[in-house]
Amino acid sequence: VVVLDIKYQGILSKPKIATLNGSHFLDMDLFEFIKKIEDLGAGEVVINCIDRDGTKNGYDIELISKIRKISKLILTLLGGAGSFKDIEDLMTKVSTVGCSAGSLFVFKGKFDAVLISYLNKDEREILKNIKFYD
């Protein structure tokens, strides 16, 4: 499993592989790097979209779709979940295996108060019934 922190950088706002809490960037194209790790035998890649982490503005479906087009790796996406619809959009539009949704379950209300919550029965059913991308 390879875990990559991705942050958009530069005038053209290109997705770059970040290190050291997003302060340094790998000098290699993200998509070339993913192909390289796949060729070297990686089985899964976890993509952490730093720019979306904690925003609750939805996953970077455009980025993960581009990755999916060039790679058969198992994909998991982190960063951006703000609703069950965001999870559904990711799972139905892009062939991913997993996603993270920390802020969705921790921050509640208009002031984003910290409140650890658990899914009720209806919410569990919504997630159970999502039709995954083929």
Protein backbone atom coordinates (compact mmCIF):
# COMPACT_ATOMS: atom_id res chain seq x y z
CA VAL A 1 0.00 0.00 0.00
CA VAL A 2 1.33 3.42 -0.99
CA VAL A 3 -0.06 6.52 0.71
CA LEU A 4 0.29 9.83 -1.12
CA ASP A 5 -0.43 13.31 0.15
CA ILE A 6 -1.58 15.43 -2.79
CA LYS A 7 -1.67 19.21 -2.85
CA TYR A 8 -2.33 21.55 -5.75
CA GLN A 9 0.58 23.85 -6.52
CA GLY A 10 1.66 26.52 -8.95
CA ILE A 11 0.00 28.91 -11.35
CA LEU A 12 -1.57 26.01 -13.26
CA SER A 13 -2.69 24.43 -9.97
CA LYS A 14 -1.32 20.98 -10.75
CA PRO A 15 -1.73 18.11 -8.29
CA LYS A 16 1.66 17.39 -6.75
CA ILE A 17 2.91 14.75 -4.31
CA ALA A 18 3.60 16.56 -1.05
CA THR A 19 5.80 15.69 1.93
CA LEU A 20 6.55 17.29 5.28
CA ASN A 21 2.97 18.44 5.96
CA GLY A 22 2.55 19.82 2.45
CA SER A 23 5.61 22.05 2.59
CA HIS A 24 7.78 20.15 0.08
CA PHE A 25 6.89 18.57 -3.26
CA LEU A 26 8.20 15.61 -5.21
CA ASP A 27 9.66 16.68 -8.54
CA MET A 28 7.76 14.05 -10.54
CA ASP A 29 4.42 14.04 -12.30
CA LEU A 30 1.75 12.49 -10.07
CA PHE A 31 0.35 10.28 -12.82
CA GLU A 32 3.79 9.04 -13.87
CA PHE A 33 4.55 8.24 -10.23
CA ILE A 34 1.34 6.23 -9.86
CA LYS A 35 2.15 4.24 -13.02
CA LYS A 36 5.66 3.64 -11.66
CA ILE A 37 4.49 2.32 -8.29
CA GLU A 38 1.95 0.12 -10.07
CA ASP A 39 4.68 -1.25 -12.35
CA LEU A 40 6.84 -1.91 -9.28
CA GLY A 41 4.09 -4.05 -7.74
CA ALA A 42 2.05 -1.80 -5.46
CA GLY A 43 -1.44 -3.16 -4.96
CA GLU A 44 -3.20 -0.16 -3.51
CA VAL A 45 -2.81 3.59 -3.33
CA VAL A 46 -4.35 5.83 -0.69
CA ILE A 47 -4.76 9.40 -1.92
CA ASN A 48 -4.96 12.09 0.75
CA CYS A 49 -6.15 15.35 -0.84
CA ILE A 50 -4.59 17.85 1.56
CA ASP A 51 -6.43 20.85 0.09
CA ARG A 52 -9.82 19.26 0.83
CA ASP A 53 -9.04 17.68 4.18
CA GLY A 54 -11.47 18.98 6.78
CA THR A 55 -13.33 21.24 4.34
CA LYS A 56 -16.44 19.05 3.95
CA ASN A 57 -16.66 20.33 0.33
CA GLY A 58 -16.69 16.90 -1.30
CA TYR A 59 -14.03 14.57 -2.62
CA ASP A 60 -11.77 15.46 -5.56
CA ILE A 61 -13.65 13.20 -7.96
CA GLU A 62 -11.98 14.82 -10.98
CA LEU A 63 -8.51 13.89 -9.71
CA ILE A 64 -9.42 10.35 -8.68
CA SER A 65 -11.16 9.82 -12.05
CA LYS A 66 -7.95 10.77 -13.85
CA ILE A 67 -6.00 8.35 -11.67
CA ARG A 68 -8.55 5.61 -12.33
CA LYS A 69 -8.15 6.10 -16.12
CA ILE A 70 -4.41 5.37 -15.96
CA SER A 71 -4.29 2.75 -13.21
CA LYS A 72 -5.90 -0.49 -12.08
CA LEU A 73 -4.67 -0.06 -8.50
CA ILE A 74 -7.10 -0.35 -5.62
CA LEU A 75 -7.93 3.26 -4.68
CA THR A 76 -8.90 4.82 -1.38
CA LEU A 77 -9.57 8.55 -1.10
CA LEU A 78 -9.22 10.86 1.90
CA GLY A 79 -10.21 14.48 2.24
CA GLY A 80 -13.44 16.35 1.65
CA ALA A 81 -16.40 14.26 2.81
CA GLY A 82 -19.16 16.51 4.10
CA SER A 83 -22.23 14.36 3.49
CA PHE A 84 -23.40 10.87 2.67
CA LYS A 85 -24.00 12.19 -0.85
CA ASP A 86 -20.27 12.88 -1.16
CA ILE A 87 -19.57 9.25 -0.26
CA GLU A 88 -22.21 8.04 -2.70
CA ASP A 89 -20.83 10.26 -5.48
CA LEU A 90 -17.33 8.89 -4.97
CA MET A 91 -18.42 5.25 -4.84
CA THR A 92 -20.76 5.44 -7.82
CA LYS A 93 -18.75 7.69 -10.14
CA VAL A 94 -15.28 6.24 -9.59
CA SER A 95 -14.23 2.68 -8.91
CA THR A 96 -12.78 3.09 -5.43
CA VAL A 97 -12.57 0.60 -2.61
CA GLY A 98 -12.63 2.99 0.29
CA CYS A 99 -12.94 6.51 1.53
CA SER A 100 -12.37 8.45 4.70
CA ALA A 101 -14.96 10.68 6.30
CA GLY A 102 -13.52 12.04 9.55
CA SER A 103 -15.01 15.54 9.73
CA LEU A 104 -18.41 14.22 8.66
CA PHE A 105 -18.63 12.22 11.89
CA VAL A 106 -16.74 14.52 14.27
CA PHE A 107 -17.95 18.08 13.62
CA LYS A 108 -21.65 18.87 14.06
CA GLY A 109 -23.96 21.84 13.67
CA LYS A 110 -23.46 25.29 12.22
CA PHE A 111 -20.49 25.93 14.52
CA ASP A 112 -18.80 22.60 13.75
CA ALA A 113 -18.80 21.61 17.40
CA VAL A 114 -16.75 18.51 18.10
CA LEU A 115 -19.14 15.66 18.68
CA ILE A 116 -18.29 12.07 17.98
CA SER A 117 -21.43 10.54 16.52
CA TYR A 118 -22.50 7.20 15.19
CA LEU A 119 -24.77 6.36 12.30
CA ASN A 120 -28.39 5.69 13.13
CA LYS A 121 -30.20 2.75 11.51
CA ASP A 122 -31.48 4.79 8.53
CA GLU A 123 -28.03 6.24 7.84
CA ARG A 124 -26.46 2.75 7.94
CA GLU A 125 -29.06 1.56 5.42
CA ILE A 126 -28.23 4.45 3.07
CA LEU A 127 -24.56 3.46 3.06
CA LYS A 128 -25.36 -0.25 2.74
CA ASN A 129 -27.52 0.36 -0.32
CA ILE A 130 -25.03 2.42 -2.35
CA LYS A 131 -24.56 0.77 -5.73
CA PHE A 132 -20.85 0.67 -6.41
CA TYR A 133 -19.30 1.52 -9.75
CA ASP A 134 -18.60 -1.54 -11.90
